[in-house]
N, C-alpha and C. Protein backbone atom coordinates (compact mmCIF):
# COMPACT_ATOMS: atom_id res chain seq x y z
N MET A 1 -9.87 -6.82 -18.10
CA MET A 1 -8.27 -7.06 -18.43
C MET A 1 -7.88 -6.34 -17.23
N ALA A 2 -7.09 -7.43 -16.58
CA ALA A 2 -6.27 -7.10 -15.38
C ALA A 2 -5.48 -6.07 -15.37
N ALA A 3 -5.15 -4.97 -14.55
CA ALA A 3 -4.82 -3.40 -14.04
C ALA A 3 -3.76 -3.46 -13.07
N TYR A 4 -2.84 -3.00 -13.70
CA TYR A 4 -1.57 -3.00 -11.86
C TYR A 4 -1.45 -1.85 -12.07
N LEU A 5 -0.64 -1.04 -10.75
CA LEU A 5 -0.74 0.11 -10.11
C LEU A 5 1.02 -0.40 -10.16
N ILE A 6 2.17 0.37 -10.08
CA ILE A 6 3.14 -0.20 -10.03
C ILE A 6 4.05 1.33 -9.29
N VAL A 7 3.88 0.80 -8.29
CA VAL A 7 4.17 2.53 -7.06
C VAL A 7 5.95 2.23 -7.09
N ASN A 8 6.86 3.62 -6.91
CA ASN A 8 8.01 3.65 -6.13
C ASN A 8 7.40 4.58 -5.22
N VAL A 9 8.07 4.24 -4.27
CA VAL A 9 8.22 4.95 -3.14
C VAL A 9 9.62 5.73 -2.10
N LYS A 10 9.57 7.23 -2.34
CA LYS A 10 10.37 7.64 -1.24
C LYS A 10 10.14 7.96 -0.07
N ILE A 11 10.32 7.41 0.69
CA ILE A 11 10.10 8.06 2.16
C ILE A 11 11.23 8.48 3.30
N SER A 12 10.28 9.83 3.61
CA SER A 12 11.00 11.36 4.36
C SER A 12 11.25 11.15 5.59
N ASN A 13 10.14 10.41 6.00
CA ASN A 13 8.94 9.98 7.43
C ASN A 13 9.08 8.66 8.02
N PRO A 14 9.45 8.25 8.15
CA PRO A 14 8.76 6.80 8.06
C PRO A 14 7.53 6.53 9.12
N GLU A 15 7.49 6.92 9.99
CA GLU A 15 6.34 6.79 11.16
C GLU A 15 5.29 7.72 10.77
N ALA A 16 5.66 8.45 9.92
CA ALA A 16 4.39 9.22 9.76
C ALA A 16 3.73 8.33 8.45
N TYR A 17 5.15 8.05 7.30
CA TYR A 17 3.89 7.58 6.79
C TYR A 17 3.47 5.67 6.39
N GLN A 18 3.28 5.02 8.20
CA GLN A 18 3.17 4.43 8.46
C GLN A 18 2.20 3.88 8.13
N GLU A 19 1.85 5.14 9.27
CA GLU A 19 -0.30 5.29 9.86
C GLU A 19 -1.17 4.97 8.27
N TYR A 20 -0.31 6.29 7.20
CA TYR A 20 -0.79 5.70 5.43
C TYR A 20 -0.62 3.98 4.96
N ARG A 21 0.77 3.95 5.91
CA ARG A 21 0.21 1.74 5.31
C ARG A 21 -0.42 1.11 6.03
N ASN A 22 -0.48 1.72 6.72
CA ASN A 22 -1.62 0.84 7.41
C ASN A 22 -2.89 0.70 7.02
N ARG A 23 -3.63 2.18 6.48
CA ARG A 23 -4.88 2.45 6.89
C ARG A 23 -4.78 1.92 4.37
N VAL A 24 -4.14 2.33 4.11
CA VAL A 24 -4.03 2.35 2.60
C VAL A 24 -4.91 0.78 1.86
N PRO A 25 -4.31 -0.25 2.25
CA PRO A 25 -5.21 -1.09 2.39
C PRO A 25 -6.49 -1.38 2.36
N GLY A 26 -7.82 -1.33 3.45
CA GLY A 26 -8.87 -0.88 3.11
C GLY A 26 -8.89 -0.56 2.31
N VAL A 27 -8.42 0.54 1.60
CA VAL A 27 -9.57 1.02 0.92
C VAL A 27 -9.45 0.51 -0.34
N PHE A 28 -8.21 0.09 -0.93
CA PHE A 28 -7.75 -0.41 -2.62
C PHE A 28 -9.22 -1.96 -2.59
N LYS A 29 -8.94 -2.52 -1.30
CA LYS A 29 -9.90 -4.21 -1.67
C LYS A 29 -11.16 -3.35 -2.03
N GLN A 30 -11.50 -1.96 -2.08
CA GLN A 30 -13.12 -1.88 -1.58
C GLN A 30 -12.74 -1.89 -3.55
N PHE A 31 -12.32 -1.10 -3.89
CA PHE A 31 -12.16 -1.34 -5.35
C PHE A 31 -12.13 -2.72 -6.09
N GLY A 32 -11.64 -3.98 -4.95
CA GLY A 32 -11.06 -5.58 -6.04
C GLY A 32 -9.50 -5.44 -6.42
N GLY A 33 -8.89 -4.46 -5.68
CA GLY A 33 -7.74 -4.31 -5.13
C GLY A 33 -6.95 -5.50 -4.52
N LYS A 34 -5.62 -6.02 -4.92
CA LYS A 34 -5.21 -6.28 -4.25
C LYS A 34 -3.02 -5.95 -4.46
N ALA A 35 -2.57 -6.23 -2.81
CA ALA A 35 -1.40 -6.13 -3.30
C ALA A 35 -0.27 -7.37 -3.88
N ILE A 36 0.28 -7.44 -4.59
CA ILE A 36 1.32 -8.29 -5.37
C ILE A 36 2.65 -8.38 -5.00
N VAL A 37 3.28 -6.82 -4.75
CA VAL A 37 4.37 -6.37 -4.16
C VAL A 37 4.19 -5.65 -3.59
N ARG A 38 4.85 -6.32 -2.20
CA ARG A 38 5.35 -4.42 -1.11
C ARG A 38 6.58 -5.12 -0.44
N SER A 39 7.29 -4.30 -1.15
CA SER A 39 8.63 -4.82 -0.81
C SER A 39 10.14 -3.67 -0.71
N PRO A 40 10.71 -4.00 0.09
CA PRO A 40 11.95 -2.79 0.68
C PRO A 40 13.11 -3.53 -0.29
N GLU A 41 12.77 -5.02 -1.07
CA GLU A 41 13.93 -5.54 -1.22
C GLU A 41 13.79 -5.60 -2.83
N TYR A 42 14.71 -5.67 -3.45
CA TYR A 42 14.41 -5.43 -5.03
C TYR A 42 16.51 -4.86 -4.82
N GLU A 43 16.39 -5.75 -6.75
CA GLU A 43 17.45 -5.73 -7.55
C GLU A 43 17.54 -4.71 -8.41
N THR A 44 18.63 -3.56 -8.94
CA THR A 44 17.83 -3.03 -9.63
C THR A 44 19.74 -3.51 -10.99
N TRP A 45 18.60 -3.94 -12.27
CA TRP A 45 19.41 -4.38 -13.00
C TRP A 45 20.17 -2.91 -14.46
N GLU A 46 19.30 -2.47 -14.72
CA GLU A 46 19.76 -1.15 -15.28
C GLU A 46 18.62 0.23 -15.11
N GLY A 47 19.83 0.98 -15.38
CA GLY A 47 19.48 2.00 -14.98
C GLY A 47 19.89 2.40 -13.56
N THR A 48 18.71 3.76 -12.40
CA THR A 48 19.31 3.72 -11.92
C THR A 48 17.64 4.26 -10.52
N SER A 49 18.14 3.77 -9.29
CA SER A 49 16.61 3.80 -8.73
C SER A 49 17.22 4.15 -7.03
N ASP A 50 16.26 4.89 -6.17
CA ASP A 50 17.32 4.87 -5.45
C ASP A 50 15.34 5.89 -4.49
N PHE A 51 14.73 4.22 -4.44
CA PHE A 51 13.66 4.46 -3.45
C PHE A 51 13.38 3.14 -2.48
N ALA A 52 12.34 3.25 -1.58
CA ALA A 52 12.96 2.76 -0.82
C ALA A 52 11.84 1.14 0.03
N GLN A 53 10.91 1.58 -1.56
CA GLN A 53 10.20 0.48 -1.32
C GLN A 53 9.46 0.79 -3.08
N VAL A 54 8.79 -0.72 -3.29
CA VAL A 54 8.63 -1.52 -4.56
C VAL A 54 6.98 -1.99 -3.83
N VAL A 55 6.23 -0.82 -4.58
CA VAL A 55 4.58 -2.10 -4.34
C VAL A 55 3.94 -2.24 -6.22
N VAL A 56 2.97 -2.77 -6.00
CA VAL A 56 2.65 -3.87 -7.34
C VAL A 56 1.16 -3.90 -7.22
N LEU A 57 0.67 -3.33 -7.16
CA LEU A 57 -0.71 -3.35 -6.63
C LEU A 57 -2.13 -4.18 -7.74
N GLU A 58 -2.71 -5.62 -7.78
CA GLU A 58 -3.30 -5.81 -9.26
C GLU A 58 -4.94 -5.43 -8.81
N PHE A 59 -5.61 -4.90 -9.86
CA PHE A 59 -7.32 -4.86 -10.05
C PHE A 59 -7.42 -5.51 -10.79
N PRO A 60 -8.58 -5.96 -10.41
CA PRO A 60 -9.48 -6.25 -12.25
C PRO A 60 -9.44 -5.84 -13.24
N SER A 61 -9.57 -4.37 -13.50
CA SER A 61 -9.36 -4.07 -14.68
C SER A 61 -9.70 -3.05 -14.45
N MET A 62 -8.79 -1.52 -15.39
CA MET A 62 -8.41 -0.22 -15.34
C MET A 62 -9.60 0.70 -15.06
N ASP A 63 -10.28 0.63 -14.95
CA ASP A 63 -11.38 1.21 -14.39
C ASP A 63 -11.61 1.23 -13.17
N GLN A 64 -11.01 -0.33 -12.43
CA GLN A 64 -11.82 -0.29 -11.32
C GLN A 64 -10.13 0.94 -10.22
N ALA A 65 -8.89 0.01 -10.92
CA ALA A 65 -7.72 0.94 -10.53
C ALA A 65 -7.95 2.60 -10.95
N ARG A 66 -8.28 3.14 -11.97
CA ARG A 66 -8.41 4.47 -11.96
C ARG A 66 -9.80 4.54 -10.85
N ALA A 67 -10.76 3.97 -10.20
CA ALA A 67 -11.20 4.90 -9.36
C ALA A 67 -11.04 4.90 -7.96
N PHE A 68 -10.15 3.83 -8.18
CA PHE A 68 -9.68 3.95 -6.48
C PHE A 68 -8.68 4.93 -6.38
N TRP A 69 -7.74 5.87 -7.20
CA TRP A 69 -6.86 6.83 -6.69
C TRP A 69 -7.64 7.85 -7.28
N ASN A 70 -8.66 8.06 -7.63
CA ASN A 70 -9.86 9.18 -7.77
C ASN A 70 -10.90 8.86 -6.66
N SER A 71 -10.83 7.83 -5.93
CA SER A 71 -11.78 7.21 -5.14
C SER A 71 -11.43 9.20 -3.77
N GLU A 72 -13.75 9.48 -3.39
CA GLU A 72 -13.79 9.72 -2.20
C GLU A 72 -12.92 9.07 -0.56
N GLU A 73 -12.00 8.14 -0.86
CA GLU A 73 -12.42 6.73 0.63
C GLU A 73 -10.87 7.16 -0.05
N TYR A 74 -9.89 6.99 -1.18
CA TYR A 74 -8.70 7.24 -1.37
C TYR A 74 -8.21 8.30 -0.20
N LYS A 75 -8.65 9.20 -0.34
CA LYS A 75 -8.17 11.04 -0.71
C LYS A 75 -7.85 11.38 0.43
N PRO A 76 -8.44 11.65 2.10
CA PRO A 76 -8.02 11.11 3.54
C PRO A 76 -7.10 10.43 2.88
N VAL A 77 -6.87 9.15 3.26
CA VAL A 77 -5.53 8.32 3.24
C VAL A 77 -4.51 8.78 2.87
N LYS A 78 -4.59 9.63 0.92
CA LYS A 78 -3.53 10.00 0.32
C LYS A 78 -2.81 10.93 1.24
N ALA A 79 -4.07 11.48 1.98
CA ALA A 79 -3.31 12.56 2.65
C ALA A 79 -2.42 12.44 4.15
N LEU A 80 -2.72 11.73 4.45
CA LEU A 80 -2.08 11.27 5.45
C LEU A 80 -0.25 10.72 4.98
N ARG A 81 -0.47 10.01 3.55
CA ARG A 81 1.44 10.57 3.24
C ARG A 81 2.06 11.10 2.73
N GLN A 82 0.64 12.36 2.37
CA GLN A 82 1.47 14.09 1.72
C GLN A 82 2.82 14.20 2.71
N GLY A 83 4.11 14.62 2.02
CA GLY A 83 5.03 15.72 2.97
C GLY A 83 5.43 14.03 3.75
N HIS A 84 5.32 13.63 3.31
CA HIS A 84 5.29 11.94 3.98
C HIS A 84 6.86 11.24 2.49
N ALA A 85 6.26 10.94 2.05
CA ALA A 85 6.27 9.80 1.26
C ALA A 85 6.36 10.32 -0.62
N GLU A 86 7.48 9.73 -1.57
CA GLU A 86 7.42 10.88 -2.63
C GLU A 86 7.29 9.46 -3.24
N LEU A 87 5.40 9.41 -4.36
CA LEU A 87 5.47 8.40 -5.08
C LEU A 87 5.65 8.05 -6.31
N THR A 88 6.11 7.41 -7.76
CA THR A 88 6.14 7.35 -8.43
C THR A 88 5.68 6.13 -9.16
N VAL A 89 3.90 6.83 -9.47
CA VAL A 89 2.91 5.47 -9.68
C VAL A 89 2.47 5.18 -11.90
N ILE A 90 2.94 4.11 -12.37
CA ILE A 90 2.29 3.89 -12.97
C ILE A 90 1.16 2.84 -13.21
N ALA A 91 0.61 3.63 -13.64
CA ALA A 91 -0.67 2.04 -14.42
C ALA A 91 -1.00 1.49 -15.40
N VAL A 92 -1.34 0.82 -15.57
CA VAL A 92 -0.29 -0.69 -17.26
C VAL A 92 -1.66 -1.31 -17.08
N GLU A 93 -3.08 -1.66 -18.24
CA GLU A 93 -3.39 -2.64 -18.54
C GLU A 93 -2.41 -4.29 -18.18
N GLY A 94 -2.82 -5.55 -17.99
CA GLY A 94 -1.65 -6.27 -18.15
C GLY A 94 -2.16 -7.42 -20.09
N ALA A 95 -1.69 -8.12 -19.82
CA ALA A 95 -1.37 -8.80 -21.00
C ALA A 95 -2.00 -9.85 -21.52
N ALA A 96 -2.69 -9.70 -22.69
CA ALA A 96 -4.32 -10.24 -22.41
C ALA A 96 -3.25 -12.07 -22.81
């Protein structure tokens, strides 16, 4: 069953965050992931939101999403964004 990472991004240093943004697709693709949403354009219909970007990544399974997130390949890329962007990441399985 497909799994999705839903990411809300608050960017504090756009220039430094850009390097992360350029490199992360090469890593999640290694784990079967693909970006299905990557946009600063969104509407808040209920509740509050103060993030700069919404990202949704699709993986073939929760195991592959988890493998990406915890991988040795992602660690140095993740380090590029630390201190430059704050993420809220939710992992969820798709509907059967």
